[in-house]
Structure formats: structure tokens, C-alpha cells
Amino acid sequence: MRSVFFGTPEFARLTLEHLERAGRAPVAVVCQPDRPSGRGQKLVPPPVKSWAQARGIEVLQPARQKDPAYRERLQALAPEVGLVASFGQLLPRGVLDLPRHGFLNVHPSLVPRFRGAAPIQWTLLSGDSRTGVCILRMTPRLDDGEVLLREVTPLGLEETAQQLHDRLAALGGQLLVRALERLEVGALRGEPQDEGAVVWAPALRKEQGQLDWTRTALELHNQVRGLQPWPGAFTRTPAGALLKVHRAAPLGPQAGQATPGQILEASGDVLVVQCGQGRLGLLEVQLEGKKRLAARAFLTGRPLQAGDRLG
């Protein structure tokens, strides 16, 4: 079955690898244009483009979906089905109607819970105990199509957004292969989503990484792991320096009274901070302009001590 794949970042590249292993590589890929990156603002190709070029697969990078030359080339490719994984643009009806079997979209959440740009991060931020991948029949609206296949997976208590990203990309690739197998024999059936149960997962903002110590230790732990690698969780030292928190662990309550943000312990392998409820152990941190360090190495220079207050 001839397919064209729409995707841009690493999630899409990992999905493509599973299609290739199953002998279902697309005849072409469509991805976002190259973007400037780094201090020199040099144009950098997206992961999907690099993957396709290494295999001699045609790459299309339209700045907009209404571009006439792009539409003409897409039609000439004569795809029987379109495949989408983290593309970054809504597809208009004129594109969606080109393949006779429409478009299948890999979405890393259990829709209708967490439609939108950042479902993986919001799943962890919300403290969910499970998640999964859905294959959706794509429509011009965002993530509202019929669910064709669904795979549920439990979440690890320490699992970060980066780790979950890679795991769901692999799961999504496998599920997409299964969807194509069913499509070929006419056994792919969908069910509509419950519009009354929709929960949105909007794009993240940098300021969402700031830790509010009046929240519970579990909520802050979920914030730390849910915002890896971007925007990352952070707080401020008493001197006002930015302190990134890369890894943390929720701890139980402590006898006695302490103010949220107050450092309770600053020795050994952990830096313990009082929260609105419970305590948070900071296991890996990074002071502004310095290297990422385990708590023991960080505390060797005694930059912080018990009694100091963060935030």
C-alpha cells in the first residue's frame, strides 16, 4: 500500500523506523521546513528529513499546505493512505481527501483525554497512572477523529517525559503497522470519541517550569519529570540564582514545622526541601552556568545549607 508520511520531530522519526522494519516505508515524507538553531542560527533539517534523505526517500517541505506546487506533487505521488505522527500543521480537507483510504494519525495519549500539542507532558503533570497510543482517522480538526486502534500502557512512577516519549513512539510505530495490516483486509473499524470527556494538552511555556513550593511533594515530583527535557523544572536560590531540578523524589512528611521552600537537609546524597505537603528530595540539580550534578557532588561546595529557602 503506497503511503506518504507526514511528520517532523524525533517522535515521527522513531515511528518511521518501525514502518521500515515492517517493510512499509513510505514513498515520500512531508515535514516542516528547516529551522535556525544554535548561536549561529544555522538552518537545521528536522529528524524526519535526515532519515528520509539517508534512504533516498523524497522529501517535501511546504511552508503552507495550500502551496499549488506541493499539492500537485502530492497528487502525482498517488498515495493510497496518508500517515501522520507529530507533523505540526493541521491538514486541510483538500489534502485529507487525496488518498482513497484517508489519513491515519498516531497520537500519544488515550483520547479524548489529552488532545493537543503536549499530551505526553500533560499526562505526567496530571499524575495519571496509565497512558497509551491511539490511531485516529484524521479530520481537519485537531485530534477529534474516530479511534481506530488503542493500546494502553502503565506509567512508571519515575518515568520522565523524555523516556515516555521514546516508549510511546515505539508503541505508536507498532500500532500503526497493525492498523495498516487491518486496513488492507478491510478490518479497520473506528469508534467516535466522547466529546464530553475532552481534556486539552496545550503547548508548554517556559514559565511553567517554575516550582511552587506550596504545592504537594507529589505534584512537584510530577512537574520535574513531566517537563524533561523542556522547559525543565527550576527554582531560585536565596541569592537569586537559577537552580534547575533534573531529578527528584517525593518524601513523606516530617515532624515539626517548616516553611514551604525551606531546605531541611543539605548533606549526603539528597537535598531535602519542605513542600506544602510532604518533602521533595532533589537528586540531580544544576546551578545557573554550571554542570548538571548529583546532589552529593553539588553539595560538596556547600552552595546551600539547611535553613535556606528556595523560590
C-alpha atoms as a PDB file:
ATOM      1  CA  MET A   1       0.000   0.000   0.000  1.00  0.00           C
ATOM      2  CA  ARG A   2       1.568   3.261  -1.152  1.00  0.00           C
ATOM      3  CA  SER A   3       1.809   5.794   1.652  1.00  0.00           C
ATOM      4  CA  VAL A   4       3.096   9.309   2.262  1.00  0.00           C
ATOM      5  CA  PHE A   5       4.263  10.045   5.795  1.00  0.00           C
ATOM      6  CA  PHE A   6       3.690  13.418   7.484  1.00  0.00           C
ATOM      7  CA  GLY A   7       5.907  14.099  10.497  1.00  0.00           C
ATOM      8  CA  THR A   8       8.718  16.344  11.675  1.00  0.00           C
ATOM      9  CA  PRO A   9      10.493  15.738  15.036  1.00  0.00           C
ATOM     10  CA  GLU A  10      12.190  12.779  16.715  1.00  0.00           C
ATOM     11  CA  PHE A  11       8.875  11.161  17.686  1.00  0.00           C
ATOM     12  CA  ALA A  12       7.989  10.883  13.995  1.00  0.00           C
ATOM     13  CA  ARG A  13      11.448   9.547  13.083  1.00  0.00           C
ATOM     14  CA  LEU A  14      11.142   6.755  15.657  1.00  0.00           C
ATOM     15  CA  THR A  15       7.717   5.887  14.238  1.00  0.00           C
ATOM     16  CA  LEU A  16       9.199   5.708  10.730  1.00  0.00           C
ATOM     17  CA  GLU A  17      11.816   3.207  11.871  1.00  0.00           C
ATOM     18  CA  HIS A  18       9.071   0.745  12.805  1.00  0.00           C
ATOM     19  CA  LEU A  19       7.388   1.195   9.427  1.00  0.00           C
ATOM     20  CA  GLU A  20      10.704   0.496   7.711  1.00  0.00           C
ATOM     21  CA  ARG A  21      11.337  -2.669   9.771  1.00  0.00           C
ATOM     22  CA  ALA A  22       7.900  -3.939   8.745  1.00  0.00           C
ATOM     23  CA  GLY A  23       8.664  -3.292   5.067  1.00  0.00           C
ATOM     24  CA  ARG A  24       6.235  -0.381   4.945  1.00  0.00           C
ATOM     25  CA  ALA A  25       8.480   2.625   4.320  1.00  0.00           C
ATOM     26  CA  PRO A  26       6.597   5.496   2.639  1.00  0.00           C
ATOM     27  CA  VAL A  27       7.212   6.643  -0.940  1.00  0.00           C
ATOM     28  CA  ALA A  28       7.750  10.200   0.360  1.00  0.00           C
ATOM     29  CA  VAL A  29       7.749  12.202   3.588  1.00  0.00           C
ATOM     30  CA  VAL A  30       6.316  15.651   4.298  1.00  0.00           C
ATOM     31  CA  CYS A  31       7.848  17.671   7.140  1.00  0.00           C
ATOM     32  CA  GLN A  32       8.215  21.233   8.364  1.00  0.00           C
ATOM     33  CA  PRO A  33      10.857  23.489   6.745  1.00  0.00           C
ATOM     34  CA  ASP A  34      14.400  23.589   8.162  1.00  0.00           C
ATOM     35  CA  ARG A  35      14.624  25.890  11.198  1.00  0.00           C
ATOM     36  CA  PRO A  36      17.510  28.039  12.509  1.00  0.00           C
ATOM     37  CA  SER A  37      19.157  26.666  15.632  1.00  0.00           C
ATOM     38  CA  GLY A  38      22.068  27.404  17.972  1.00  0.00           C
ATOM     39  CA  ARG A  39      24.099  30.552  18.449  1.00  0.00           C
ATOM     40  CA  GLY A  40      24.874  30.857  14.755  1.00  0.00           C
ATOM     41  CA  GLN A  41      21.203  30.317  13.829  1.00  0.00           C
ATOM     42  CA  LYS A  42      22.249  27.823  11.192  1.00  0.00           C
ATOM     43  CA  LEU A  43      19.415  26.073   9.375  1.00  0.00           C
ATOM     44  CA  VAL A  44      18.976  22.554  10.744  1.00  0.00           C
ATOM     45  CA  PRO A  45      16.917  19.838   8.989  1.00  0.00           C
ATOM     46  CA  PRO A  46      14.233  18.102  11.052  1.00  0.00           C
ATOM     47  CA  PRO A  47      14.886  14.462  12.077  1.00  0.00           C
ATOM     48  CA  VAL A  48      12.367  13.086   9.561  1.00  0.00           C
ATOM     49  CA  LYS A  49      14.106  14.829   6.665  1.00  0.00           C
ATOM     50  CA  SER A  50      17.519  13.459   7.666  1.00  0.00           C
ATOM     51  CA  TRP A  51      16.041   9.955   7.999  1.00  0.00           C
ATOM     52  CA  ALA A  52      14.425  10.095   4.555  1.00  0.00           C
ATOM     53  CA  GLN A  53      17.446  11.561   2.761  1.00  0.00           C
ATOM     54  CA  ALA A  54      19.686   8.816   4.149  1.00  0.00           C
ATOM     55  CA  ARG A  55      17.385   6.299   2.441  1.00  0.00           C
ATOM     56  CA  GLY A  56      16.806   8.139  -0.823  1.00  0.00           C
ATOM     57  CA  ILE A  57      13.166   8.852   0.005  1.00  0.00           C
ATOM     58  CA  GLU A  58      11.643  12.016  -1.434  1.00  0.00           C
ATOM     59  CA  VAL A  59      11.149  14.928   0.989  1.00  0.00           C
ATOM     60  CA  LEU A  60       8.520  17.672   0.692  1.00  0.00           C
ATOM     61  CA  GLN A  61       8.732  20.732   2.980  1.00  0.00           C
ATOM     62  CA  PRO A  62       5.858  23.094   2.181  1.00  0.00           C
ATOM     63  CA  ALA A  63       5.726  26.367   4.087  1.00  0.00           C
ATOM     64  CA  ARG A  64       1.937  26.132   3.819  1.00  0.00           C
ATOM     65  CA  GLN A  65      -0.464  23.374   2.899  1.00  0.00           C
ATOM     66  CA  LYS A  66      -2.133  25.439   0.169  1.00  0.00           C
ATOM     67  CA  ASP A  67       1.057  25.727  -1.915  1.00  0.00           C
ATOM     68  CA  PRO A  68      -0.010  24.752  -5.509  1.00  0.00           C
ATOM     69  CA  ALA A  69       3.294  23.077  -6.490  1.00  0.00           C
ATOM     70  CA  TYR A  70       3.257  20.991  -3.315  1.00  0.00           C
ATOM     71  CA  ARG A  71      -0.369  19.941  -3.847  1.00  0.00           C
ATOM     72  CA  GLU A  72       0.417  18.959  -7.438  1.00  0.00           C
ATOM     73  CA  ARG A  73       3.392  16.825  -6.405  1.00  0.00           C
ATOM     74  CA  LEU A  74       1.427  15.190  -3.594  1.00  0.00           C
ATOM     75  CA  GLN A  75      -1.298  14.220  -6.036  1.00  0.00           C
ATOM     76  CA  ALA A  76       1.273  12.851  -8.506  1.00  0.00           C
ATOM     77  CA  LEU A  77       2.649  10.541  -5.797  1.00  0.00           C
ATOM     78  CA  ALA A  78      -0.773   8.833  -5.766  1.00  0.00           C
ATOM     79  CA  PRO A  79      -0.730   7.672  -2.130  1.00  0.00           C
ATOM     80  CA  GLU A  80      -3.362   5.144  -1.110  1.00  0.00           C
ATOM     81  CA  VAL A  81      -3.114   6.243   2.527  1.00  0.00           C
ATOM     82  CA  GLY A  82      -1.577   9.151   4.442  1.00  0.00           C
ATOM     83  CA  LEU A  83       0.262   8.532   7.725  1.00  0.00           C
ATOM     84  CA  VAL A  84       0.784  11.240  10.356  1.00  0.00           C
ATOM     85  CA  ALA A  85       2.880  11.375  13.532  1.00  0.00           C
ATOM     86  CA  SER A  86       3.673  14.714  15.177  1.00  0.00           C
ATOM     87  CA  PHE A  87       3.591  16.754  11.972  1.00  0.00           C
ATOM     88  CA  GLY A  88       2.919  20.201  13.430  1.00  0.00           C
ATOM     89  CA  GLN A  89       0.314  21.503  10.970  1.00  0.00           C
ATOM     90  CA  LEU A  90      -3.396  20.891  10.538  1.00  0.00           C
ATOM     91  CA  LEU A  91      -4.183  19.312   7.170  1.00  0.00           C
ATOM     92  CA  PRO A  92      -6.988  20.865   5.098  1.00  0.00           C
ATOM     93  CA  ARG A  93      -9.758  18.820   3.549  1.00  0.00           C
ATOM     94  CA  GLY A  94      -8.158  19.123   0.088  1.00  0.00           C
ATOM     95  CA  VAL A  95      -5.096  17.188   1.312  1.00  0.00           C
ATOM     96  CA  LEU A  96      -7.008  14.740   3.515  1.00  0.00           C
ATOM     97  CA  ASP A  97      -9.159  13.660   0.562  1.00  0.00           C
ATOM     98  CA  LEU A  98      -6.220  12.802  -1.729  1.00  0.00           C
ATOM     99  CA  PRO A  99      -5.577   9.200  -0.551  1.00  0.00           C
ATOM    100  CA  ARG A 100      -8.557   6.881  -1.078  1.00  0.00           C
ATOM    101  CA  HIS A 101      -8.106   5.473   2.453  1.00  0.00           C
ATOM    102  CA  GLY A 102      -7.669   8.884   4.078  1.00  0.00           C
ATOM    103  CA  PHE A 103      -5.128   9.621   6.821  1.00  0.00           C
ATOM    104  CA  LEU A 104      -4.131   7.635   9.924  1.00  0.00           C
ATOM    105  CA  ASN A 105      -2.740   9.693  12.803  1.00  0.00           C
ATOM    106  CA  VAL A 106      -0.530   8.358  15.632  1.00  0.00           C
ATOM    107  CA  HIS A 107      -1.488  10.195  18.843  1.00  0.00           C
ATOM    108  CA  PRO A 108       0.390   9.566  22.128  1.00  0.00           C
ATOM    109  CA  SER A 109      -2.483   9.657  24.621  1.00  0.00           C
ATOM    110  CA  LEU A 110      -5.772   7.933  25.350  1.00  0.00           C
ATOM    111  CA  VAL A 111      -8.009  10.443  23.583  1.00  0.00           C
ATOM    112  CA  PRO A 112     -10.277  12.195  24.273  1.00  0.00           C
ATOM    113  CA  ARG A 113      -8.038  12.692  27.325  1.00  0.00           C
ATOM    114  CA  PHE A 114      -5.190  14.996  26.295  1.00  0.00           C
ATOM    115  CA  ARG A 115      -5.833  16.236  22.805  1.00  0.00           C
ATOM    116  CA  GLY A 116      -3.384  18.866  21.627  1.00  0.00           C
ATOM    117  CA  ALA A 117       0.284  19.754  21.348  1.00  0.00           C
ATOM    118  CA  ALA A 118       1.792  18.265  24.536  1.00  0.00           C
ATOM    119  CA  PRO A 119      -0.134  15.113  25.549  1.00  0.00           C
ATOM    120  CA  ILE A 120       2.909  13.258  26.909  1.00  0.00           C
ATOM    121  CA  GLN A 121       3.926  16.059  29.265  1.00  0.00           C
ATOM    122  CA  TRP A 122       0.387  16.747  30.499  1.00  0.00           C
ATOM    123  CA  THR A 123      -0.165  13.056  31.202  1.00  0.00           C
ATOM    124  CA  LEU A 124       2.737  13.144  33.671  1.00  0.00           C
ATOM    125  CA  LEU A 125       1.910  16.598  35.037  1.00  0.00           C
ATOM    126  CA  SER A 126      -1.569  15.324  35.867  1.00  0.00           C
ATOM    127  CA  GLY A 127      -0.221  12.325  37.770  1.00  0.00           C
ATOM    128  CA  ASP A 128      -2.017   9.727  35.629  1.00  0.00           C
ATOM    129  CA  SER A 129      -1.204   6.074  36.318  1.00  0.00           C
ATOM    130  CA  ARG A 130      -1.604   4.951  32.701  1.00  0.00           C
ATOM    131  CA  THR A 131      -1.481   6.294  29.175  1.00  0.00           C
ATOM    132  CA  GLY A 132      -1.228   4.860  25.683  1.00  0.00           C
ATOM    133  CA  VAL A 133      -1.329   5.449  21.948  1.00  0.00           C
ATOM    134  CA  CYS A 134      -4.320   5.813  19.641  1.00  0.00           C
ATOM    135  CA  ILE A 135      -4.512   5.560  15.876  1.00  0.00           C
ATOM    136  CA  LEU A 136      -7.030   8.167  14.758  1.00  0.00           C
ATOM    137  CA  ARG A 137      -8.766   8.729  11.453  1.00  0.00           C
ATOM    138  CA  MET A 138      -7.597  12.255  10.750  1.00  0.00           C
ATOM    139  CA  THR A 139     -10.002  15.177  10.183  1.00  0.00           C
ATOM    140  CA  PRO A 140      -9.391  18.914   9.592  1.00  0.00           C
ATOM    141  CA  ARG A 141      -9.953  19.488  13.337  1.00  0.00           C
ATOM    142  CA  LEU A 142      -7.338  18.778  15.993  1.00  0.00           C
ATOM    143  CA  ASP A 143      -7.274  15.168  17.277  1.00  0.00           C
ATOM    144  CA  ASP A 144     -11.045  14.669  17.049  1.00  0.00           C
ATOM    145  CA  GLY A 145     -11.205  11.750  14.605  1.00  0.00           C
ATOM    146  CA  GLU A 146     -12.519   8.248  15.183  1.00  0.00           C
ATOM    147  CA  VAL A 147     -10.306   5.941  17.264  1.00  0.00           C
ATOM    148  CA  LEU A 148      -9.251   3.034  15.030  1.00  0.00           C
ATOM    149  CA  LEU A 149      -6.851   1.279  17.408  1.00  0.00           C
ATOM    150  CA  ARG A 150      -5.882   1.858  21.025  1.00  0.00           C
ATOM    151  CA  GLU A 151      -3.046   0.451  23.143  1.00  0.00           C
ATOM    152  CA  VAL A 152      -2.913   1.116  26.908  1.00  0.00           C
ATOM    153  CA  THR A 153       0.310   1.058  28.941  1.00  0.00           C
ATOM    154  CA  PRO A 154       1.001   1.687  32.651  1.00  0.00           C
ATOM    155  CA  LEU A 155       3.235   4.579  33.687  1.00  0.00           C
ATOM    156  CA  GLY A 156       6.370   4.174  35.773  1.00  0.00           C
ATOM    157  CA  LEU A 157       6.448   6.304  38.926  1.00  0.00           C
ATOM    158  CA  GLU A 158       9.879   7.687  37.962  1.00  0.00           C
ATOM    159  CA  GLU A 159       9.316   7.815  34.193  1.00  0.00           C
ATOM    160  CA  THR A 160      10.193  11.174  32.621  1.00  0.00           C
ATOM    161  CA  ALA A 161       8.583  12.836  29.619  1.00  0.00           C
ATOM    162  CA  GLN A 162      11.665  12.028  27.517  1.00  0.00           C
ATOM    163  CA  GLN A 163      11.540   8.348  28.458  1.00  0.00           C
ATOM    164  CA  LEU A 164       7.799   8.169  27.869  1.00  0.00           C
ATOM    165  CA  HIS A 165       8.229   9.983  24.535  1.00  0.00           C
ATOM    166  CA  ASP A 166      10.589   7.280  23.245  1.00  0.00           C
ATOM    167  CA  ARG A 167       8.445   4.435  24.576  1.00  0.00           C
ATOM    168  CA  LEU A 168       5.221   5.766  23.050  1.00  0.00           C
ATOM    169  CA  ALA A 169       6.922   6.462  19.709  1.00  0.00           C
ATOM    170  CA  ALA A 170       7.931   2.786  19.535  1.00  0.00           C
ATOM    171  CA  LEU A 171       4.456   1.677  20.627  1.00  0.00           C
ATOM    172  CA  GLY A 172       2.890   4.035  18.079  1.00  0.00           C
ATOM    173  CA  GLY A 173       5.020   2.641  15.256  1.00  0.00           C
ATOM    174  CA  GLN A 174       3.988  -0.919  16.099  1.00  0.00           C
ATOM    175  CA  LEU A 175       0.328   0.085  16.354  1.00  0.00           C
ATOM    176  CA  LEU A 176       0.468   1.896  13.002  1.00  0.00           C
ATOM    177  CA  VAL A 177       1.801  -1.241  11.323  1.00  0.00           C
ATOM    178  CA  ARG A 178      -1.118  -3.214  12.800  1.00  0.00           C
ATOM    179  CA  ALA A 179      -3.553  -0.562  11.538  1.00  0.00           C
ATOM    180  CA  LEU A 180      -2.174  -0.854   8.001  1.00  0.00           C
ATOM    181  CA  GLU A 181      -2.473  -4.644   8.118  1.00  0.00           C
ATOM    182  CA  ARG A 182      -6.129  -4.349   9.115  1.00  0.00           C
ATOM    183  CA  LEU A 183      -6.771  -1.642   6.540  1.00  0.00           C
ATOM    184  CA  GLU A 184      -5.522  -3.879   3.736  1.00  0.00           C
ATOM    185  CA  VAL A 185      -8.021  -6.622   4.598  1.00  0.00           C
ATOM    186  CA  GLY A 186     -10.903  -4.230   5.276  1.00  0.00           C
ATOM    187  CA  ALA A 187     -10.939  -4.915   9.022  1.00  0.00           C
ATOM    188  CA  LEU A 188     -10.143  -1.435  10.359  1.00  0.00           C
ATOM    189  CA  ARG A 189     -13.159  -0.038  12.173  1.00  0.00           C
ATOM    190  CA  GLY A 190     -13.424   3.157  14.202  1.00  0.00           C
ATOM    191  CA  GLU A 191     -15.420   4.462  17.132  1.00  0.00           C
ATOM    192  CA  PRO A 192     -16.219   8.140  17.793  1.00  0.00           C
ATOM    193  CA  GLN A 193     -14.683   9.961  20.725  1.00  0.00           C
ATOM    194  CA  ASP A 194     -16.766  11.173  23.650  1.00  0.00           C
ATOM    195  CA  GLU A 195     -16.756  14.943  23.153  1.00  0.00           C
ATOM    196  CA  GLY A 196     -17.947  15.439  26.730  1.00  0.00           C
ATOM    197  CA  ALA A 197     -14.733  13.865  28.072  1.00  0.00           C
ATOM    198  CA  VAL A 198     -12.228  16.000  26.139  1.00  0.00           C
ATOM    199  CA  VAL A 199      -9.203  17.229  28.105  1.00  0.00           C
ATOM    200  CA  TRP A 200      -6.779  19.558  26.317  1.00  0.00           C
ATOM    201  CA  ALA A 201      -2.975  19.431  26.455  1.00  0.00           C
ATOM    202  CA  PRO A 202      -1.811  22.868  25.239  1.00  0.00           C
ATOM    203  CA  ALA A 203       1.754  23.710  24.228  1.00  0.00           C
ATOM    204  CA  LEU A 204       4.120  24.265  27.139  1.00  0.00           C
ATOM    205  CA  ARG A 205       5.550  27.623  28.172  1.00  0.00           C
ATOM    206  CA  LYS A 206       8.943  28.187  29.775  1.00  0.00           C
ATOM    207  CA  GLU A 207       7.482  29.745  32.912  1.00  0.00           C
ATOM    208  CA  GLN A 208       5.573  26.517  33.649  1.00  0.00           C
ATOM    209  CA  GLY A 209       8.861  25.057  34.854  1.00  0.00           C
ATOM    210  CA  GLN A 210       8.967  27.237  37.981  1.00  0.00           C
ATOM    211  CA  LEU A 211       8.430  25.178  41.138  1.00  0.00           C
ATOM    212  CA  ASP A 212       5.803  26.459  43.549  1.00  0.00           C
ATOM    213  CA  TRP A 213       6.849  25.043  46.922  1.00  0.00           C
ATOM    214  CA  THR A 214       3.350  25.445  48.386  1.00  0.00           C
ATOM    215  CA  ARG A 215       2.216  22.521  46.221  1.00  0.00           C
ATOM    216  CA  THR A 216       2.490  18.902  47.368  1.00  0.00           C
ATOM    217  CA  ALA A 217       5.708  16.922  47.030  1.00  0.00           C
ATOM    218  CA  LEU A 218       4.000  14.507  44.603  1.00  0.00           C
ATOM    219  CA  GLU A 219       2.763  17.358  42.387  1.00  0.00           C
ATOM    220  CA  LEU A 220       6.259  18.857  42.263  1.00  0.00           C
ATOM    221  CA  HIS A 221       7.793  15.458  41.507  1.00  0.00           C
ATOM    222  CA  ASN A 222       5.374  15.083  38.579  1.00  0.00           C
ATOM    223  CA  GLN A 223       6.307  18.580  37.399  1.00  0.00           C
ATOM    224  CA  VAL A 224      10.024  17.742  37.435  1.00  0.00           C
ATOM    225  CA  ARG A 225       9.631  14.514  35.449  1.00  0.00           C
ATOM    226  CA  GLY A 226       6.872  15.837  33.201  1.00  0.00           C
ATOM    227  CA  LEU A 227       8.898  18.808  31.950  1.00  0.00           C
ATOM    228  CA  GLN A 228      12.020  16.884  30.914  1.00  0.00           C
ATOM    229  CA  PRO A 229      13.855  17.869  28.796  1.00  0.00           C
ATOM    230  CA  TRP A 230      11.989  21.140  28.047  1.00  0.00           C
ATOM    231  CA  PRO A 231      11.240  23.539  29.599  1.00  0.00           C
ATOM    232  CA  GLY A 232      12.655  21.793  32.676  1.00  0.00           C
ATOM    233  CA  ALA A 233      11.802  22.477  36.316  1.00  0.00           C
ATOM    234  CA  PHE A 234      13.578  25.266  38.189  1.00  0.00           C
ATOM    235  CA  THR A 235      13.641  27.337  41.347  1.00  0.00           C
ATOM    236  CA  ARG A 236      15.760  30.186  42.767  1.00  0.00           C
ATOM    237  CA  THR A 237      18.445  30.112  45.437  1.00  0.00           C
ATOM    238  CA  PRO A 238      18.410  32.691  48.284  1.00  0.00           C
ATOM    239  CA  ALA A 239      20.931  34.682  46.209  1.00  0.00           C
ATOM    240  CA  GLY A 240      18.532  34.704  43.246  1.00  0.00           C
ATOM    241  CA  ALA A 241      20.488  32.269  41.048  1.00  0.00           C
ATOM    242  CA  LEU A 242      18.544  29.880  38.828  1.00  0.00           C
ATOM    243  CA  LEU A 243      18.653  26.274  40.056  1.00  0.00           C
ATOM    244  CA  LYS A 244      17.404  23.635  37.617  1.00  0.00           C
ATOM    245  CA  VAL A 245      15.991  20.430  39.089  1.00  0.00           C
ATOM    246  CA  HIS A 246      16.550  17.450  36.778  1.00  0.00           C
ATOM    247  CA  ARG A 247      15.551  14.607  39.085  1.00  0.00           C
ATOM    248  CA  ALA A 248      13.625  14.477  42.341  1.00  0.00           C
ATOM    249  CA  ALA A 249      11.722  12.114  44.629  1.00  0.00           C
ATOM    250  CA  PRO A 250       8.692  12.749  46.862  1.00  0.00           C
ATOM    251  CA  LEU A 251       9.257  12.053  50.556  1.00  0.00           C
ATOM    252  CA  GLY A 252       6.832  11.713  53.450  1.00  0.00           C
ATOM    253  CA  PRO A 253       6.021  14.458  55.952  1.00  0.00           C
ATOM    254  CA  GLN A 254       8.411  15.440  58.730  1.00  0.00           C
ATOM    255  CA  ALA A 255       7.598  16.144  62.355  1.00  0.00           C
ATOM    256  CA  GLY A 256       7.774  19.817  63.285  1.00  0.00           C
ATOM    257  CA  GLN A 257       7.033  22.955  61.344  1.00  0.00           C
ATOM    258  CA  ALA A 258       8.858  24.349  58.316  1.00  0.00           C
ATOM    259  CA  THR A 259       8.049  26.914  55.646  1.00  0.00           C
ATOM    260  CA  PRO A 260       7.417  25.710  52.060  1.00  0.00           C
ATOM    261  CA  GLY A 261      10.687  26.063  50.130  1.00  0.00           C
ATOM    262  CA  GLN A 262      12.837  25.751  53.259  1.00  0.00           C
ATOM    263  CA  ILE A 263      15.804  23.380  52.982  1.00  0.00           C
ATOM    264  CA  LEU A 264      15.583  20.725  55.688  1.00  0.00           C
ATOM    265  CA  GLU A 265      18.711  18.726  54.829  1.00  0.00           C
ATOM    266  CA  ALA A 266      21.738  19.656  52.730  1.00  0.00           C
ATOM    267  CA  SER A 267      24.184  16.798  53.150  1.00  0.00           C
ATOM    268  CA  GLY A 268      24.854  13.305  51.815  1.00  0.00           C
ATOM    269  CA  ASP A 269      23.090  12.176  48.646  1.00  0.00           C
ATOM    270  CA  VAL A 270      19.999  14.350  48.798  1.00  0.00           C
ATOM    271  CA  LEU A 271      18.880  17.928  49.208  1.00  0.00           C
ATOM    272  CA  VAL A 272      15.541  17.873  51.059  1.00  0.00           C
ATOM    273  CA  VAL A 273      13.048  20.730  50.671  1.00  0.00           C
ATOM    274  CA  GLN A 274       9.797  21.333  52.548  1.00  0.00           C
ATOM    275  CA  CYS A 275       6.665  21.451  50.365  1.00  0.00           C
ATOM    276  CA  GLY A 276       3.103  22.496  51.074  1.00  0.00           C
ATOM    277  CA  GLN A 277       2.535  18.836  51.893  1.00  0.00           C
ATOM    278  CA  GLY A 278       5.411  16.390  52.287  1.00  0.00           C
ATOM    279  CA  ARG A 279       9.050  16.882  51.350  1.00  0.00           C
ATOM    280  CA  LEU A 280      10.855  16.750  47.995  1.00  0.00           C
ATOM    281  CA  GLY A 281      14.325  15.237  47.672  1.00  0.00           C
ATOM    282  CA  LEU A 282      16.352  16.945  44.938  1.00  0.00           C
ATOM    283  CA  LEU A 283      18.576  14.222  43.457  1.00  0.00           C
ATOM    284  CA  GLU A 284      20.123  15.982  40.440  1.00  0.00           C
ATOM    285  CA  VAL A 285      20.414  19.752  40.093  1.00  0.00           C
ATOM    286  CA  GLN A 286      22.210  22.333  38.005  1.00  0.00           C
ATOM    287  CA  LEU A 287      23.165  25.805  39.168  1.00  0.00           C
ATOM    288  CA  GLU A 288      22.961  28.543  36.554  1.00  0.00           C
ATOM    289  CA  GLY A 289      26.057  28.425  34.328  1.00  0.00           C
ATOM    290  CA  LYS A 290      27.313  25.180  35.887  1.00  0.00           C
ATOM    291  CA  LYS A 291      27.207  21.458  35.100  1.00  0.00           C
ATOM    292  CA  ARG A 292      24.392  19.095  35.981  1.00  0.00           C
ATOM    293  CA  LEU A 293      25.365  17.273  39.196  1.00  0.00           C
ATOM    294  CA  ALA A 294      24.096  14.643  41.598  1.00  0.00           C
ATOM    295  CA  ALA A 295      23.131  16.149  44.961  1.00  0.00           C
ATOM    296  CA  ARG A 296      26.242  14.838  46.761  1.00  0.00           C
ATOM    297  CA  ALA A 297      28.624  16.446  44.237  1.00  0.00           C
ATOM    298  CA  PHE A 298      26.592  19.647  44.183  1.00  0.00           C
ATOM    299  CA  LEU A 299      26.669  19.975  47.976  1.00  0.00           C
ATOM    300  CA  THR A 300      30.434  19.430  48.187  1.00  0.00           C
ATOM    301  CA  GLY A 301      30.998  23.154  47.704  1.00  0.00           C
ATOM    302  CA  ARG A 302      28.225  23.915  50.258  1.00  0.00           C
ATOM    303  CA  PRO A 303      26.309  26.351  47.982  1.00  0.00           C
ATOM    304  CA  LEU A 304      23.182  25.727  50.098  1.00  0.00           C
ATOM    305  CA  GLN A 305      22.571  24.666  53.673  1.00  0.00           C
ATOM    306  CA  ALA A 306      19.737  23.672  55.973  1.00  0.00           C
ATOM    307  CA  GLY A 307      17.543  26.649  56.813  1.00  0.00           C
ATOM    308  CA  ASP A 308      17.980  28.368  53.441  1.00  0.00           C
ATOM    309  CA  ARG A 309      14.776  28.973  51.477  1.00  0.00           C
ATOM    310  CA  LEU A 310      14.290  28.321  47.768  1.00  0.00           C
ATOM    311  CA  GLY A 311      11.881  30.063  45.440  1.00  0.00           C
END
